[in-house]
């Protein structure tokens, strides 16, 4: 659920160039298809974290979301 949320938010043509969007989609796809063996290397997570920060600066802050009852804290 969270990987799809990241893909939804970061798939932003106003912030990222096409090759960066392709990289984001590939990274999230790797997470989604690693069902039986989770992806444990840092590279993918570092890239996505960098993209989240870039998106945050481009949009000048976070977006407000309603609480999702399906997520447990």
PDB file of N, CA and C in Angstrom:
ATOM      1  N   UNK A   1       0.830  -1.185   0.000  1.00  0.00           N
ATOM      2  CA  UNK A   1       0.000   0.000   0.000  1.00  0.00           C
ATOM      3  C   UNK A   1       0.878   1.255   0.000  1.00  0.00           C
ATOM      4  N   UNK A   2       1.927   1.242   0.814  1.00  0.00           N
ATOM      5  CA  UNK A   2       2.783   2.428   0.904  1.00  0.00           C
ATOM      6  C   UNK A   2       3.630   2.610  -0.352  1.00  0.00           C
ATOM      7  N   UNK A   3       4.075   1.514  -0.946  1.00  0.00           N
ATOM      8  CA  UNK A   3       4.851   1.620  -2.184  1.00  0.00           C
ATOM      9  C   UNK A   3       3.993   2.224  -3.297  1.00  0.00           C
ATOM     10  N   UNK A   4       2.743   1.820  -3.380  1.00  0.00           N
ATOM     11  CA  UNK A   4       1.836   2.388  -4.385  1.00  0.00           C
ATOM     12  C   UNK A   4       1.569   3.860  -4.121  1.00  0.00           C
ATOM     13  N   UNK A   5       1.499   4.239  -2.861  1.00  0.00           N
ATOM     14  CA  UNK A   5       1.306   5.652  -2.503  1.00  0.00           C
ATOM     15  C   UNK A   5       2.517   6.472  -2.953  1.00  0.00           C
ATOM     16  N   UNK A   6       3.709   5.958  -2.708  1.00  0.00           N
ATOM     17  CA  UNK A   6       4.918   6.652  -3.141  1.00  0.00           C
ATOM     18  C   UNK A   6       4.906   6.819  -4.653  1.00  0.00           C
ATOM     19  N   UNK A   7       4.557   5.769  -5.377  1.00  0.00           N
ATOM     20  CA  UNK A   7       4.498   5.850  -6.830  1.00  0.00           C
ATOM     21  C   UNK A   7       3.464   6.881  -7.277  1.00  0.00           C
ATOM     22  N   UNK A   8       2.317   6.875  -6.653  1.00  0.00           N
ATOM     23  CA  UNK A   8       1.252   7.828  -7.008  1.00  0.00           C
ATOM     24  C   UNK A   8       1.720   9.269  -6.833  1.00  0.00           C
ATOM     25  N   UNK A   9       2.345   9.558  -5.726  1.00  0.00           N
ATOM     26  CA  UNK A   9       2.756  10.932  -5.420  1.00  0.00           C
ATOM     27  C   UNK A   9       3.957  11.359  -6.254  1.00  0.00           C
ATOM     28  N   UNK A  10       4.956  10.497  -6.376  1.00  0.00           N
ATOM     29  CA  UNK A  10       6.175  10.880  -7.080  1.00  0.00           C
ATOM     30  C   UNK A  10       6.037  10.844  -8.597  1.00  0.00           C
ATOM     31  N   UNK A  11       5.001  10.238  -9.111  1.00  0.00           N
ATOM     32  CA  UNK A  11       4.781  10.200 -10.558  1.00  0.00           C
ATOM     33  C   UNK A  11       4.255  11.560 -11.015  1.00  0.00           C
ATOM     34  N   UNK A  12       5.129  12.548 -10.974  1.00  0.00           N
ATOM     35  CA  UNK A  12       4.753  13.950 -11.174  1.00  0.00           C
ATOM     36  C   UNK A  12       5.615  14.560 -12.280  1.00  0.00           C
ATOM     37  N   UNK A  13       5.007  14.778 -13.442  1.00  0.00           N
ATOM     38  CA  UNK A  13       5.724  15.354 -14.588  1.00  0.00           C
ATOM     39  C   UNK A  13       6.169  16.782 -14.353  1.00  0.00           C
ATOM     40  N   UNK A  14       5.552  17.474 -13.403  1.00  0.00           N
ATOM     41  CA  UNK A  14       5.941  18.847 -13.105  1.00  0.00           C
ATOM     42  C   UNK A  14       7.232  18.911 -12.302  1.00  0.00           C
ATOM     43  N   UNK A  15       7.593  17.836 -11.649  1.00  0.00           N
ATOM     44  CA  UNK A  15       8.772  17.821 -10.788  1.00  0.00           C
ATOM     45  C   UNK A  15       9.924  17.056 -11.429  1.00  0.00           C
ATOM     46  N   UNK A  16       9.624  15.915 -12.049  1.00  0.00           N
ATOM     47  CA  UNK A  16      10.682  15.025 -12.523  1.00  0.00           C
ATOM     48  C   UNK A  16      10.686  14.882 -14.038  1.00  0.00           C
ATOM     49  N   UNK A  17      11.881  14.690 -14.582  1.00  0.00           N
ATOM     50  CA  UNK A  17      12.054  14.431 -16.012  1.00  0.00           C
ATOM     51  C   UNK A  17      11.643  12.982 -16.306  1.00  0.00           C
ATOM     52  N   UNK A  18      11.351  12.681 -17.564  1.00  0.00           N
ATOM     53  CA  UNK A  18      10.892  11.329 -17.929  1.00  0.00           C
ATOM     54  C   UNK A  18      11.832  10.211 -17.477  1.00  0.00           C
ATOM     55  N   UNK A  19      13.148  10.401 -17.589  1.00  0.00           N
ATOM     56  CA  UNK A  19      14.062   9.334 -17.181  1.00  0.00           C
ATOM     57  C   UNK A  19      14.040   9.120 -15.668  1.00  0.00           C
ATOM     58  N   UNK A  20      13.813  10.176 -14.915  1.00  0.00           N
ATOM     59  CA  UNK A  20      13.701  10.046 -13.460  1.00  0.00           C
ATOM     60  C   UNK A  20      12.397   9.339 -13.102  1.00  0.00           C
ATOM     61  N   UNK A  21      11.321   9.666 -13.794  1.00  0.00           N
ATOM     62  CA  UNK A  21      10.044   8.991 -13.562  1.00  0.00           C
ATOM     63  C   UNK A  21      10.152   7.499 -13.863  1.00  0.00           C
ATOM     64  N   UNK A  22      10.893   7.174 -14.900  1.00  0.00           N
ATOM     65  CA  UNK A  22      11.114   5.760 -15.242  1.00  0.00           C
ATOM     66  C   UNK A  22      11.874   5.051 -14.126  1.00  0.00           C
ATOM     67  N   UNK A  23      12.870   5.717 -13.581  1.00  0.00           N
ATOM     68  CA  UNK A  23      13.654   5.141 -12.487  1.00  0.00           C
ATOM     69  C   UNK A  23      12.785   4.933 -11.243  1.00  0.00           C
ATOM     70  N   UNK A  24      11.942   5.907 -10.934  1.00  0.00           N
ATOM     71  CA  UNK A  24      11.036   5.790  -9.789  1.00  0.00           C
ATOM     72  C   UNK A  24      10.105   4.594  -9.990  1.00  0.00           C
ATOM     73  N   UNK A  25       9.516   4.483 -11.173  1.00  0.00           N
ATOM     74  CA  UNK A  25       8.607   3.377 -11.452  1.00  0.00           C
ATOM     75  C   UNK A  25       9.318   2.034 -11.345  1.00  0.00           C
ATOM     76  N   UNK A  26      10.534   1.971 -11.836  1.00  0.00           N
ATOM     77  CA  UNK A  26      11.310   0.734 -11.760  1.00  0.00           C
ATOM     78  C   UNK A  26      11.622   0.369 -10.308  1.00  0.00           C
ATOM     79  N   UNK A  27      12.019   1.362  -9.516  1.00  0.00           N
ATOM     80  CA  UNK A  27      12.343   1.105  -8.109  1.00  0.00           C
ATOM     81  C   UNK A  27      11.123   0.619  -7.340  1.00  0.00           C
ATOM     82  N   UNK A  28       9.991   1.272  -7.538  1.00  0.00           N
ATOM     83  CA  UNK A  28       8.771   0.859  -6.834  1.00  0.00           C
ATOM     84  C   UNK A  28       8.338  -0.528  -7.312  1.00  0.00           C
ATOM     85  N   UNK A  29       8.461  -0.781  -8.602  1.00  0.00           N
ATOM     86  CA  UNK A  29       8.122  -2.103  -9.129  1.00  0.00           C
ATOM     87  C   UNK A  29       8.986  -3.186  -8.485  1.00  0.00           C
ATOM     88  N   UNK A  30      10.255  -2.899  -8.276  1.00  0.00           N
ATOM     89  CA  UNK A  30      11.136  -3.854  -7.593  1.00  0.00           C
ATOM     90  C   UNK A  30      10.616  -4.152  -6.193  1.00  0.00           C
ATOM     91  N   UNK A  31      10.172  -3.136  -5.488  1.00  0.00           N
ATOM     92  CA  UNK A  31       9.614  -3.341  -4.143  1.00  0.00           C
ATOM     93  C   UNK A  31       8.336  -4.184  -4.206  1.00  0.00           C
ATOM     94  N   UNK A  32       7.503  -3.907  -5.182  1.00  0.00           N
ATOM     95  CA  UNK A  32       6.223  -4.607  -5.283  1.00  0.00           C
ATOM     96  C   UNK A  32       6.372  -6.056  -5.719  1.00  0.00           C
ATOM     97  N   UNK A  33       7.422  -6.366  -6.449  1.00  0.00           N
ATOM     98  CA  UNK A  33       7.600  -7.732  -6.941  1.00  0.00           C
ATOM     99  C   UNK A  33       8.549  -8.539  -6.070  1.00  0.00           C
ATOM    100  N   UNK A  34       8.998  -7.969  -4.982  1.00  0.00           N
ATOM    101  CA  UNK A  34       9.897  -8.666  -4.053  1.00  0.00           C
ATOM    102  C   UNK A  34       9.103  -9.264  -2.899  1.00  0.00           C
ATOM    103  N   UNK A  35       8.007  -9.929  -3.228  1.00  0.00           N
ATOM    104  CA  UNK A  35       7.084 -10.429  -2.213  1.00  0.00           C
ATOM    105  C   UNK A  35       7.703 -11.501  -1.315  1.00  0.00           C
ATOM    106  N   UNK A  36       8.445 -12.442  -1.897  1.00  0.00           N
ATOM    107  CA  UNK A  36       8.963 -13.558  -1.112  1.00  0.00           C
ATOM    108  C   UNK A  36      10.363 -13.305  -0.561  1.00  0.00           C
ATOM    109  N   UNK A  37      11.099 -12.450  -1.232  1.00  0.00           N
ATOM    110  CA  UNK A  37      12.413 -12.051  -0.753  1.00  0.00           C
ATOM    111  C   UNK A  37      12.482 -10.540  -0.803  1.00  0.00           C
ATOM    112  N   UNK A  38      12.368  -9.859   0.319  1.00  0.00           N
ATOM    113  CA  UNK A  38      12.369  -8.397   0.293  1.00  0.00           C
ATOM    114  C   UNK A  38      13.690  -7.847  -0.235  1.00  0.00           C
ATOM    115  N   UNK A  39      13.605  -6.726  -0.891  1.00  0.00           N
ATOM    116  CA  UNK A  39      14.795  -6.066  -1.416  1.00  0.00           C
ATOM    117  C   UNK A  39      15.519  -5.417  -0.249  1.00  0.00           C
ATOM    118  N   UNK A  40      16.784  -5.759  -0.053  1.00  0.00           N
ATOM    119  CA  UNK A  40      17.516  -5.324   1.140  1.00  0.00           C
ATOM    120  C   UNK A  40      18.683  -4.386   0.862  1.00  0.00           C
ATOM    121  N   UNK A  41      18.976  -4.124  -0.398  1.00  0.00           N
ATOM    122  CA  UNK A  41      20.089  -3.221  -0.713  1.00  0.00           C
ATOM    123  C   UNK A  41      19.666  -1.770  -0.483  1.00  0.00           C
ATOM    124  N   UNK A  42      20.622  -0.931  -0.120  1.00  0.00           N
ATOM    125  CA  UNK A  42      20.322   0.464   0.207  1.00  0.00           C
ATOM    126  C   UNK A  42      20.044   1.340  -1.011  1.00  0.00           C
ATOM    127  N   UNK A  43      20.579   0.986  -2.175  1.00  0.00           N
ATOM    128  CA  UNK A  43      20.517   1.878  -3.328  1.00  0.00           C
ATOM    129  C   UNK A  43      19.106   2.321  -3.682  1.00  0.00           C
ATOM    130  N   UNK A  44      18.201   1.389  -3.763  1.00  0.00           N
ATOM    131  CA  UNK A  44      16.819   1.682  -4.136  1.00  0.00           C
ATOM    132  C   UNK A  44      16.151   2.605  -3.103  1.00  0.00           C
ATOM    133  N   UNK A  45      16.322   2.296  -1.839  1.00  0.00           N
ATOM    134  CA  UNK A  45      15.715   3.103  -0.780  1.00  0.00           C
ATOM    135  C   UNK A  45      16.334   4.500  -0.724  1.00  0.00           C
ATOM    136  N   UNK A  46      17.640   4.595  -0.948  1.00  0.00           N
ATOM    137  CA  UNK A  46      18.301   5.902  -0.972  1.00  0.00           C
ATOM    138  C   UNK A  46      17.769   6.756  -2.117  1.00  0.00           C
ATOM    139  N   UNK A  47      17.622   6.157  -3.305  1.00  0.00           N
ATOM    140  CA  UNK A  47      17.097   6.908  -4.454  1.00  0.00           C
ATOM    141  C   UNK A  47      15.682   7.394  -4.192  1.00  0.00           C
ATOM    142  N   UNK A  48      14.828   6.526  -3.671  1.00  0.00           N
ATOM    143  CA  UNK A  48      13.444   6.945  -3.415  1.00  0.00           C
ATOM    144  C   UNK A  48      13.378   8.013  -2.336  1.00  0.00           C
ATOM    145  N   UNK A  49      14.199   7.898  -1.309  1.00  0.00           N
ATOM    146  CA  UNK A  49      14.233   8.927  -0.264  1.00  0.00           C
ATOM    147  C   UNK A  49      14.672  10.266  -0.856  1.00  0.00           C
ATOM    148  N   UNK A  50      15.673  10.233  -1.733  1.00  0.00           N
ATOM    149  CA  UNK A  50      16.113  11.462  -2.397  1.00  0.00           C
ATOM    150  C   UNK A  50      14.992  12.071  -3.226  1.00  0.00           C
ATOM    151  N   UNK A  51      14.253  11.229  -3.932  1.00  0.00           N
ATOM    152  CA  UNK A  51      13.150  11.732  -4.765  1.00  0.00           C
ATOM    153  C   UNK A  51      12.027  12.324  -3.906  1.00  0.00           C
ATOM    154  N   UNK A  52      11.756  11.741  -2.766  1.00  0.00           N
ATOM    155  CA  UNK A  52      10.746  12.293  -1.857  1.00  0.00           C
ATOM    156  C   UNK A  52      11.167  13.697  -1.414  1.00  0.00           C
ATOM    157  N   UNK A  53      12.425  13.864  -1.079  1.00  0.00           N
ATOM    158  CA  UNK A  53      12.922  15.175  -0.646  1.00  0.00           C
ATOM    159  C   UNK A  53      12.861  16.171  -1.798  1.00  0.00           C
ATOM    160  N   UNK A  54      13.257  15.758  -2.999  1.00  0.00           N
ATOM    161  CA  UNK A  54      13.172  16.641  -4.167  1.00  0.00           C
ATOM    162  C   UNK A  54      11.734  17.072  -4.413  1.00  0.00           C
ATOM    163  N   UNK A  55      10.809  16.115  -4.325  1.00  0.00           N
ATOM    164  CA  UNK A  55       9.395  16.424  -4.536  1.00  0.00           C
ATOM    165  C   UNK A  55       8.906  17.411  -3.468  1.00  0.00           C
ATOM    166  N   UNK A  56       9.304  17.174  -2.232  1.00  0.00           N
ATOM    167  CA  UNK A  56       8.909  18.030  -1.106  1.00  0.00           C
ATOM    168  C   UNK A  56       9.349  19.474  -1.359  1.00  0.00           C
ATOM    169  N   UNK A  57      10.597  19.662  -1.772  1.00  0.00           N
ATOM    170  CA  UNK A  57      11.092  21.013  -2.043  1.00  0.00           C
ATOM    171  C   UNK A  57      10.388  21.640  -3.239  1.00  0.00           C
ATOM    172  N   UNK A  58      10.134  20.862  -4.280  1.00  0.00           N
ATOM    173  CA  UNK A  58       9.461  21.380  -5.469  1.00  0.00           C
ATOM    174  C   UNK A  58       8.032  21.817  -5.162  1.00  0.00           C
ATOM    175  N   UNK A  59       7.369  21.085  -4.269  1.00  0.00           N
ATOM    176  CA  UNK A  59       5.974  21.394  -3.920  1.00  0.00           C
ATOM    177  C   UNK A  59       5.870  22.311  -2.705  1.00  0.00           C
ATOM    178  N   UNK A  60       7.007  22.677  -2.143  1.00  0.00           N
ATOM    179  CA  UNK A  60       7.082  23.587  -0.993  1.00  0.00           C
ATOM    180  C   UNK A  60       6.331  23.061   0.230  1.00  0.00           C
ATOM    181  N   UNK A  61       6.503  21.771   0.500  1.00  0.00           N
ATOM    182  CA  UNK A  61       5.939  21.216   1.719  1.00  0.00           C
ATOM    183  C   UNK A  61       5.178  19.930   1.493  1.00  0.00           C
ATOM    184  N   UNK A  62       4.724  19.329   2.596  1.00  0.00           N
ATOM    185  CA  UNK A  62       3.992  18.063   2.508  1.00  0.00           C
ATOM    186  C   UNK A  62       2.553  18.286   2.044  1.00  0.00           C
ATOM    187  N   UNK A  63       1.883  17.199   1.734  1.00  0.00           N
ATOM    188  CA  UNK A  63       0.463  17.284   1.416  1.00  0.00           C
ATOM    189  C   UNK A  63      -0.310  16.668   2.575  1.00  0.00           C
ATOM    190  N   UNK A  64      -1.437  17.225   2.861  1.00  0.00           N
ATOM    191  CA  UNK A  64      -2.292  16.718   3.934  1.00  0.00           C
ATOM    192  C   UNK A  64      -3.105  15.541   3.409  1.00  0.00           C
ATOM    193  N   UNK A  65      -3.144  14.486   4.178  1.00  0.00           N
ATOM    194  CA  UNK A  65      -3.922  13.305   3.823  1.00  0.00           C
ATOM    195  C   UNK A  65      -4.813  12.934   5.001  1.00  0.00           C
ATOM    196  N   UNK A  66      -5.949  12.344   4.690  1.00  0.00           N
ATOM    197  CA  UNK A  66      -6.797  11.849   5.760  1.00  0.00           C
ATOM    198  C   UNK A  66      -6.182  10.567   6.306  1.00  0.00           C
ATOM    199  N   UNK A  67      -6.493  10.238   7.523  1.00  0.00           N
ATOM    200  CA  UNK A  67      -5.959   9.029   8.147  1.00  0.00           C
ATOM    201  C   UNK A  67      -6.574   7.816   7.471  1.00  0.00           C
ATOM    202  N   UNK A  68      -5.724   6.892   7.078  1.00  0.00           N
ATOM    203  CA  UNK A  68      -6.175   5.641   6.466  1.00  0.00           C
ATOM    204  C   UNK A  68      -6.300   4.594   7.569  1.00  0.00           C
ATOM    205  N   UNK A  69      -7.504   4.135   7.805  1.00  0.00           N
ATOM    206  CA  UNK A  69      -7.761   3.166   8.872  1.00  0.00           C
ATOM    207  C   UNK A  69      -7.122   1.805   8.611  1.00  0.00           C
ATOM    208  N   UNK A  70      -6.697   1.558   7.355  1.00  0.00           N
ATOM    209  CA  UNK A  70      -6.063   0.289   7.031  1.00  0.00           C
ATOM    210  C   UNK A  70      -4.582   0.255   7.384  1.00  0.00           C
ATOM    211  N   UNK A  71      -4.028   1.393   7.771  1.00  0.00           N
ATOM    212  CA  UNK A  71      -2.629   1.445   8.196  1.00  0.00           C
ATOM    213  C   UNK A  71      -2.579   1.402   9.711  1.00  0.00           C
ATOM    214  N   UNK A  72      -1.730   0.567  10.220  1.00  0.00           N
ATOM    215  CA  UNK A  72      -1.600   0.433  11.672  1.00  0.00           C
ATOM    216  C   UNK A  72      -0.347   1.152  12.119  1.00  0.00           C
ATOM    217  N   UNK A  73      -0.450   1.883  13.225  1.00  0.00           N
ATOM    218  CA  UNK A  73       0.702   2.634  13.738  1.00  0.00           C
ATOM    219  C   UNK A  73       1.148   2.048  15.028  1.00  0.00           C
TER     220      UNK A  73
END
